[in-house]
Every structure is written in C-alpha cells, then in structure tokens.
Amino acid sequence: MLINMNLSYTYWEAKEGGYIGYLNQYPDYWTQGDSIEELEKMLASLYGDITQFDDIQSAVPEHTGTIAVAV
C-alpha cells in the first residue's frame, strides 16, 4: 500500500531557463527541471534516492515551535 506524503521544497527560476530546487528537509541536495512539474518529479525521485541510504540524515532537524507576539 502506498502512502502519499507532502514534502515542502524551495525553488527558483534559473537564469538559463528552467527551475532549480531542493527539498527543505534536505537542502544540500539540489535538482532541476525544465518546468515546475518536471522539477517536482525530479524532487520526488531525489527523495527516493535519499531515503534508500540509511546513513543519510536530514540536514535540518525536524523541530517546530510556536511563539506569542504582540499585535
């Protein structure tokens, strides 16, 4: 059974055309695509490659928190 998982990513438009991006959980591993759709496919493939290796850990600790601010 396959489970869908949402992964956040950061991307920008390359000067030469196309898009460059990385998974926010793994900012050291970049990939590219000619379109956003292709970039997303490449990011999904990259995630599969990364998770095949047990010794690769997320470069970004998975911690969240909340703060109160005066408005």
C-alpha atoms as a PDB file:
ATOM      1  CA  MET A   1       0.000   0.000   0.000  1.00  0.00           C
ATOM      2  CA  LEU A   2       1.400   3.392  -0.998  1.00  0.00           C
ATOM      3  CA  ILE A   3       1.005   6.363   1.291  1.00  0.00           C
ATOM      4  CA  ASN A   4       1.154   9.919  -0.037  1.00  0.00           C
ATOM      5  CA  MET A   5       3.396  12.244   1.907  1.00  0.00           C
ATOM      6  CA  ASN A   6       3.632  16.011   1.490  1.00  0.00           C
ATOM      7  CA  LEU A   7       7.164  17.369   1.258  1.00  0.00           C
ATOM      8  CA  SER A   8       7.925  21.066   1.157  1.00  0.00           C
ATOM      9  CA  TYR A   9      10.504  22.406  -1.255  1.00  0.00           C
ATOM     10  CA  THR A  10      12.176  25.641  -2.250  1.00  0.00           C
ATOM     11  CA  TYR A  11      12.774  26.583  -5.877  1.00  0.00           C
ATOM     12  CA  TRP A  12      13.747  29.456  -8.126  1.00  0.00           C
ATOM     13  CA  GLU A  13      13.918  30.152 -11.829  1.00  0.00           C
ATOM     14  CA  ALA A  14      17.354  29.569 -13.331  1.00  0.00           C
ATOM     15  CA  LYS A  15      18.913  32.337 -15.452  1.00  0.00           C
ATOM     16  CA  GLU A  16      19.416  29.810 -18.261  1.00  0.00           C
ATOM     17  CA  GLY A  17      15.772  28.738 -18.081  1.00  0.00           C
ATOM     18  CA  GLY A  18      14.056  26.027 -16.111  1.00  0.00           C
ATOM     19  CA  TYR A  19      13.885  25.699 -12.346  1.00  0.00           C
ATOM     20  CA  ILE A  20      16.274  24.651  -9.603  1.00  0.00           C
ATOM     21  CA  GLY A  21      15.081  23.395  -6.250  1.00  0.00           C
ATOM     22  CA  TYR A  22      15.651  21.295  -3.165  1.00  0.00           C
ATOM     23  CA  LEU A  23      13.582  19.544  -0.540  1.00  0.00           C
ATOM     24  CA  ASN A  24      13.505  21.737   2.564  1.00  0.00           C
ATOM     25  CA  GLN A  25      14.372  18.746   4.734  1.00  0.00           C
ATOM     26  CA  TYR A  26      17.487  18.084   2.582  1.00  0.00           C
ATOM     27  CA  PRO A  27      18.832  21.497   1.487  1.00  0.00           C
ATOM     28  CA  ASP A  28      22.219  20.079   0.442  1.00  0.00           C
ATOM     29  CA  TYR A  29      20.694  18.073  -2.435  1.00  0.00           C
ATOM     30  CA  TRP A  30      19.567  20.178  -5.402  1.00  0.00           C
ATOM     31  CA  THR A  31      17.919  19.132  -8.646  1.00  0.00           C
ATOM     32  CA  GLN A  32      16.461  20.865 -11.694  1.00  0.00           C
ATOM     33  CA  GLY A  33      13.697  20.657 -14.260  1.00  0.00           C
ATOM     34  CA  ASP A  34      12.542  22.473 -17.377  1.00  0.00           C
ATOM     35  CA  SER A  35       9.124  23.122 -15.766  1.00  0.00           C
ATOM     36  CA  ILE A  36       7.669  23.131 -12.247  1.00  0.00           C
ATOM     37  CA  GLU A  37       6.036  19.775 -12.998  1.00  0.00           C
ATOM     38  CA  GLU A  38       9.343  18.263 -14.094  1.00  0.00           C
ATOM     39  CA  LEU A  39      11.105  19.767 -11.069  1.00  0.00           C
ATOM     40  CA  GLU A  40       8.520  18.148  -8.784  1.00  0.00           C
ATOM     41  CA  LYS A  41       9.092  14.770 -10.468  1.00  0.00           C
ATOM     42  CA  MET A  42      12.842  15.187 -10.036  1.00  0.00           C
ATOM     43  CA  LEU A  43      12.389  16.134  -6.369  1.00  0.00           C
ATOM     44  CA  ALA A  44      10.256  13.028  -5.803  1.00  0.00           C
ATOM     45  CA  SER A  45      12.943  10.908  -7.455  1.00  0.00           C
ATOM     46  CA  LEU A  46      15.621  12.613  -5.368  1.00  0.00           C
ATOM     47  CA  TYR A  47      13.665  11.840  -2.200  1.00  0.00           C
ATOM     48  CA  GLY A  48      13.527   8.171  -3.214  1.00  0.00           C
ATOM     49  CA  ASP A  49      17.280   8.153  -3.780  1.00  0.00           C
ATOM     50  CA  ILE A  50      17.998   9.854  -0.457  1.00  0.00           C
ATOM     51  CA  THR A  51      15.790   7.544   1.584  1.00  0.00           C
ATOM     52  CA  GLN A  52      17.409   4.403   0.130  1.00  0.00           C
ATOM     53  CA  PHE A  53      20.510   5.085   2.208  1.00  0.00           C
ATOM     54  CA  ASP A  54      20.302   4.570   5.973  1.00  0.00           C
ATOM     55  CA  ASP A  55      23.284   6.810   6.698  1.00  0.00           C
ATOM     56  CA  ILE A  56      21.783   9.963   5.168  1.00  0.00           C
ATOM     57  CA  GLN A  57      20.068  12.046   7.798  1.00  0.00           C
ATOM     58  CA  SER A  58      18.096  15.198   7.341  1.00  0.00           C
ATOM     59  CA  ALA A  59      20.354  18.223   7.421  1.00  0.00           C
ATOM     60  CA  VAL A  60      17.533  20.182   9.023  1.00  0.00           C
ATOM     61  CA  PRO A  61      16.326  18.999  12.442  1.00  0.00           C
ATOM     62  CA  GLU A  62      12.606  18.361  12.447  1.00  0.00           C
ATOM     63  CA  HIS A  63      11.504  20.609  15.275  1.00  0.00           C
ATOM     64  CA  THR A  64       8.667  23.076  15.328  1.00  0.00           C
ATOM     65  CA  GLY A  65       7.502  25.508  17.919  1.00  0.00           C
ATOM     66  CA  THR A  66       5.184  28.422  18.474  1.00  0.00           C
ATOM     67  CA  ILE A  67       5.749  31.865  19.914  1.00  0.00           C
ATOM     68  CA  ALA A  68       3.425  34.584  21.105  1.00  0.00           C
ATOM     69  CA  VAL A  69       3.856  38.039  19.615  1.00  0.00           C
ATOM     70  CA  ALA A  70       2.173  41.312  20.463  1.00  0.00           C
ATOM     71  CA  VAL A  71      -0.036  42.656  17.695  1.00  0.00           C
END
